[in-house]
Amino acid sequence: MSHETRIKVRGYHLDLYGHVNNARYLEFLEEARWSFFEDRGDLPWFLQSGLALVVVNINIDYRYPATMGDELALATSVKSIGSRSAVMHQRVTLAGSDKVVAEADVTFVVFDAKQNKAVTLDGQLKELLQSMLDQ
């Protein structure tokens, strides 16, 4: 099951055409991922472990322009888990409708600052990510 975050579009999110600027979607998506991990991902464990989720690739498809005053619903879930990286899927819709504003696949690795490298996704870490899979 995906996690939902709501964001209201404000004037400072807009470009010269009155639409949400494409770069702002990166911020919206990041806010939704933080909310997702706070609610479903045992964020304190990550913070104590010295591990960090590091985005290595984002693919965004923009489908419909959001404008000032719109409320956006961002659905976030873990889509797939590999041995060294995982992919989250995020879908942005106009709240209360099926109108898709944007969709993104975000690939991340888990980085260990002590080792200065990405770690293999196994053990407790993999179990945690598997509990967040969209099934």
C-alpha atoms as a PDB file:
ATOM      1  CA  MET A   1       0.000   0.000   0.000  1.00  0.00           C
ATOM      2  CA  SER A   2       1.340   3.432  -0.878  1.00  0.00           C
ATOM      3  CA  HIS A   3       1.677   6.349   1.492  1.00  0.00           C
ATOM      4  CA  GLU A   4      -0.025   9.682   0.722  1.00  0.00           C
ATOM      5  CA  THR A   5       1.340  13.168   1.324  1.00  0.00           C
ATOM      6  CA  ARG A   6      -0.651  16.305   0.507  1.00  0.00           C
ATOM      7  CA  ILE A   7       0.934  19.550  -0.662  1.00  0.00           C
ATOM      8  CA  LYS A   8      -0.864  22.785  -1.513  1.00  0.00           C
ATOM      9  CA  VAL A   9       0.542  24.704  -4.472  1.00  0.00           C
ATOM     10  CA  ARG A  10       1.649  28.201  -3.482  1.00  0.00           C
ATOM     11  CA  GLY A  11       2.565  31.201  -5.602  1.00  0.00           C
ATOM     12  CA  TYR A  12       6.295  30.740  -5.077  1.00  0.00           C
ATOM     13  CA  HIS A  13       6.062  27.252  -6.654  1.00  0.00           C
ATOM     14  CA  LEU A  14       5.050  28.732 -10.017  1.00  0.00           C
ATOM     15  CA  ASP A  15       6.938  29.619 -13.175  1.00  0.00           C
ATOM     16  CA  LEU A  16       6.229  32.565 -15.505  1.00  0.00           C
ATOM     17  CA  TYR A  17       3.344  30.645 -17.094  1.00  0.00           C
ATOM     18  CA  GLY A  18       1.510  30.142 -13.790  1.00  0.00           C
ATOM     19  CA  HIS A  19       2.311  26.422 -13.613  1.00  0.00           C
ATOM     20  CA  VAL A  20       4.340  24.612 -10.967  1.00  0.00           C
ATOM     21  CA  ASN A  21       7.980  24.905 -12.031  1.00  0.00           C
ATOM     22  CA  ASN A  22       9.454  21.552 -13.018  1.00  0.00           C
ATOM     23  CA  ALA A  23      12.258  21.883 -10.429  1.00  0.00           C
ATOM     24  CA  ARG A  24       9.707  22.258  -7.618  1.00  0.00           C
ATOM     25  CA  TYR A  25       8.466  18.731  -8.251  1.00  0.00           C
ATOM     26  CA  LEU A  26      11.838  17.461  -7.010  1.00  0.00           C
ATOM     27  CA  GLU A  27      11.134  19.218  -3.699  1.00  0.00           C
ATOM     28  CA  PHE A  28       7.559  17.914  -3.560  1.00  0.00           C
ATOM     29  CA  LEU A  29       8.745  14.360  -4.231  1.00  0.00           C
ATOM     30  CA  GLU A  30      11.475  14.640  -1.596  1.00  0.00           C
ATOM     31  CA  GLU A  31       8.990  15.913   0.999  1.00  0.00           C
ATOM     32  CA  ALA A  32       6.754  12.926   0.241  1.00  0.00           C
ATOM     33  CA  ARG A  33       9.672  10.478   0.582  1.00  0.00           C
ATOM     34  CA  TRP A  34      10.625  11.954   3.985  1.00  0.00           C
ATOM     35  CA  SER A  35       7.005  11.664   5.116  1.00  0.00           C
ATOM     36  CA  PHE A  36       6.872   8.079   3.839  1.00  0.00           C
ATOM     37  CA  PHE A  37       9.970   7.061   5.799  1.00  0.00           C
ATOM     38  CA  GLU A  38       8.806   8.880   8.925  1.00  0.00           C
ATOM     39  CA  ASP A  39       5.519   6.957   8.855  1.00  0.00           C
ATOM     40  CA  ARG A  40       6.582   3.583   7.447  1.00  0.00           C
ATOM     41  CA  GLY A  41      10.352   3.305   7.438  1.00  0.00           C
ATOM     42  CA  ASP A  42      11.722   3.442  10.977  1.00  0.00           C
ATOM     43  CA  LEU A  43      13.557   6.720  10.401  1.00  0.00           C
ATOM     44  CA  PRO A  44      15.167   6.656  13.903  1.00  0.00           C
ATOM     45  CA  TRP A  45      16.860   3.336  13.043  1.00  0.00           C
ATOM     46  CA  PHE A  46      18.332   4.874   9.880  1.00  0.00           C
ATOM     47  CA  LEU A  47      19.547   7.945  11.762  1.00  0.00           C
ATOM     48  CA  GLN A  48      21.208   5.856  14.502  1.00  0.00           C
ATOM     49  CA  SER A  49      22.733   3.374  12.059  1.00  0.00           C
ATOM     50  CA  GLY A  50      24.763   5.982  10.194  1.00  0.00           C
ATOM     51  CA  LEU A  51      23.088   4.930   6.961  1.00  0.00           C
ATOM     52  CA  ALA A  52      21.537   7.359   4.517  1.00  0.00           C
ATOM     53  CA  LEU A  53      19.315   6.956   1.492  1.00  0.00           C
ATOM     54  CA  VAL A  54      21.051   8.569  -1.467  1.00  0.00           C
ATOM     55  CA  VAL A  55      19.170   9.266  -4.700  1.00  0.00           C
ATOM     56  CA  VAL A  56      21.174   8.171  -7.725  1.00  0.00           C
ATOM     57  CA  ASN A  57      18.558   8.603 -10.475  1.00  0.00           C
ATOM     58  CA  ILE A  58      15.167  10.255 -10.928  1.00  0.00           C
ATOM     59  CA  ASN A  59      12.906   9.881 -13.956  1.00  0.00           C
ATOM     60  CA  ILE A  60       9.890  12.203 -13.975  1.00  0.00           C
ATOM     61  CA  ASP A  61       7.033  12.249 -16.468  1.00  0.00           C
ATOM     62  CA  TYR A  62       5.076  15.510 -16.338  1.00  0.00           C
ATOM     63  CA  ARG A  63       1.500  14.946 -17.472  1.00  0.00           C
ATOM     64  CA  TYR A  64      -0.707  17.873 -16.396  1.00  0.00           C
ATOM     65  CA  PRO A  65       0.071  21.411 -15.193  1.00  0.00           C
ATOM     66  CA  ALA A  66      -0.673  22.143 -11.541  1.00  0.00           C
ATOM     67  CA  THR A  67      -1.496  25.760 -10.690  1.00  0.00           C
ATOM     68  CA  MET A  68      -1.764  27.977  -7.614  1.00  0.00           C
ATOM     69  CA  GLY A  69      -4.287  26.733  -5.072  1.00  0.00           C
ATOM     70  CA  ASP A  70      -4.292  23.138  -6.312  1.00  0.00           C
ATOM     71  CA  GLU A  71      -3.881  20.502  -3.646  1.00  0.00           C
ATOM     72  CA  LEU A  72      -1.626  17.684  -4.768  1.00  0.00           C
ATOM     73  CA  ALA A  73      -1.741  14.126  -3.451  1.00  0.00           C
ATOM     74  CA  LEU A  74       1.606  12.360  -3.676  1.00  0.00           C
ATOM     75  CA  ALA A  75       1.469   8.562  -3.418  1.00  0.00           C
ATOM     76  CA  THR A  76       4.826   7.011  -2.509  1.00  0.00           C
ATOM     77  CA  SER A  77       5.853   3.357  -2.313  1.00  0.00           C
ATOM     78  CA  VAL A  78       8.837   1.088  -2.756  1.00  0.00           C
ATOM     79  CA  LYS A  79       8.505  -0.409  -6.236  1.00  0.00           C
ATOM     80  CA  SER A  80      11.446  -2.825  -6.348  1.00  0.00           C
ATOM     81  CA  ILE A  81      14.508  -3.882  -4.373  1.00  0.00           C
ATOM     82  CA  GLY A  82      17.756  -5.092  -5.891  1.00  0.00           C
ATOM     83  CA  SER A  83      20.974  -6.188  -4.245  1.00  0.00           C
ATOM     84  CA  ARG A  84      22.547  -2.695  -4.243  1.00  0.00           C
ATOM     85  CA  SER A  85      19.725  -0.284  -5.063  1.00  0.00           C
ATOM     86  CA  ALA A  86      15.974   0.081  -4.810  1.00  0.00           C
ATOM     87  CA  VAL A  87      13.335   2.041  -6.707  1.00  0.00           C
ATOM     88  CA  MET A  88      10.505   4.090  -5.254  1.00  0.00           C
ATOM     89  CA  HIS A  89       7.504   5.015  -7.378  1.00  0.00           C
ATOM     90  CA  GLN A  90       5.760   8.321  -6.786  1.00  0.00           C
ATOM     91  CA  ARG A  91       2.517   9.439  -8.394  1.00  0.00           C
ATOM     92  CA  VAL A  92       1.248  13.013  -8.128  1.00  0.00           C
ATOM     93  CA  THR A  93      -2.464  13.607  -8.684  1.00  0.00           C
ATOM     94  CA  LEU A  94      -4.853  16.476  -8.120  1.00  0.00           C
ATOM     95  CA  ALA A  95      -6.255  15.656  -4.675  1.00  0.00           C
ATOM     96  CA  GLY A  96      -9.705  14.124  -4.829  1.00  0.00           C
ATOM     97  CA  SER A  97      -9.360  13.103  -8.475  1.00  0.00           C
ATOM     98  CA  ASP A  98      -7.622  10.602 -10.713  1.00  0.00           C
ATOM     99  CA  LYS A  99      -5.973  13.402 -12.743  1.00  0.00           C
ATOM    100  CA  VAL A 100      -2.264  12.487 -12.916  1.00  0.00           C
ATOM    101  CA  VAL A 101       0.011  15.521 -12.684  1.00  0.00           C
ATOM    102  CA  ALA A 102       3.352  13.671 -12.685  1.00  0.00           C
ATOM    103  CA  GLU A 103       4.899  10.281 -12.046  1.00  0.00           C
ATOM    104  CA  ALA A 104       8.451   9.505 -10.984  1.00  0.00           C
ATOM    105  CA  ASP A 105      10.686   6.525 -10.421  1.00  0.00           C
ATOM    106  CA  VAL A 106      13.429   7.329  -7.921  1.00  0.00           C
ATOM    107  CA  THR A 107      16.399   4.974  -7.656  1.00  0.00           C
ATOM    108  CA  PHE A 108      18.387   5.098  -4.429  1.00  0.00           C
ATOM    109  CA  VAL A 109      21.242   3.343  -2.689  1.00  0.00           C
ATOM    110  CA  VAL A 110      21.900   3.062   1.024  1.00  0.00           C
ATOM    111  CA  PHE A 111      25.140   4.863   1.829  1.00  0.00           C
ATOM    112  CA  ASP A 112      27.309   4.085   4.845  1.00  0.00           C
ATOM    113  CA  ALA A 113      29.293   7.209   5.804  1.00  0.00           C
ATOM    114  CA  LYS A 114      31.761   5.183   7.899  1.00  0.00           C
ATOM    115  CA  GLN A 115      32.666   2.962   4.947  1.00  0.00           C
ATOM    116  CA  ASN A 116      32.229   5.826   2.442  1.00  0.00           C
ATOM    117  CA  LYS A 117      30.299   3.582   0.061  1.00  0.00           C
ATOM    118  CA  ALA A 118      26.916   2.158  -0.797  1.00  0.00           C
ATOM    119  CA  VAL A 119      26.091  -1.044   1.060  1.00  0.00           C
ATOM    120  CA  THR A 120      24.480  -4.279  -0.049  1.00  0.00           C
ATOM    121  CA  LEU A 121      20.754  -4.403   0.676  1.00  0.00           C
ATOM    122  CA  ASP A 122      20.498  -7.409   2.957  1.00  0.00           C
ATOM    123  CA  GLY A 123      19.611  -8.445   6.511  1.00  0.00           C
ATOM    124  CA  GLN A 124      17.576  -6.017   8.625  1.00  0.00           C
ATOM    125  CA  LEU A 125      17.938  -3.318   5.993  1.00  0.00           C
ATOM    126  CA  LYS A 126      16.398  -5.476   3.267  1.00  0.00           C
ATOM    127  CA  GLU A 127      13.623  -6.634   5.610  1.00  0.00           C
ATOM    128  CA  LEU A 128      12.761  -3.011   6.369  1.00  0.00           C
ATOM    129  CA  LEU A 129      12.615  -2.116   2.672  1.00  0.00           C
ATOM    130  CA  GLN A 130      10.575  -5.239   1.872  1.00  0.00           C
ATOM    131  CA  SER A 131       8.001  -4.210   4.481  1.00  0.00           C
ATOM    132  CA  MET A 132       7.464  -1.045   2.437  1.00  0.00           C
ATOM    133  CA  LEU A 133       6.953  -2.738  -0.937  1.00  0.00           C
ATOM    134  CA  ASP A 134       3.774  -1.757  -2.760  1.00  0.00           C
ATOM    135  CA  GLN A 135       1.875  -5.033  -2.871  1.00  0.00           C
END
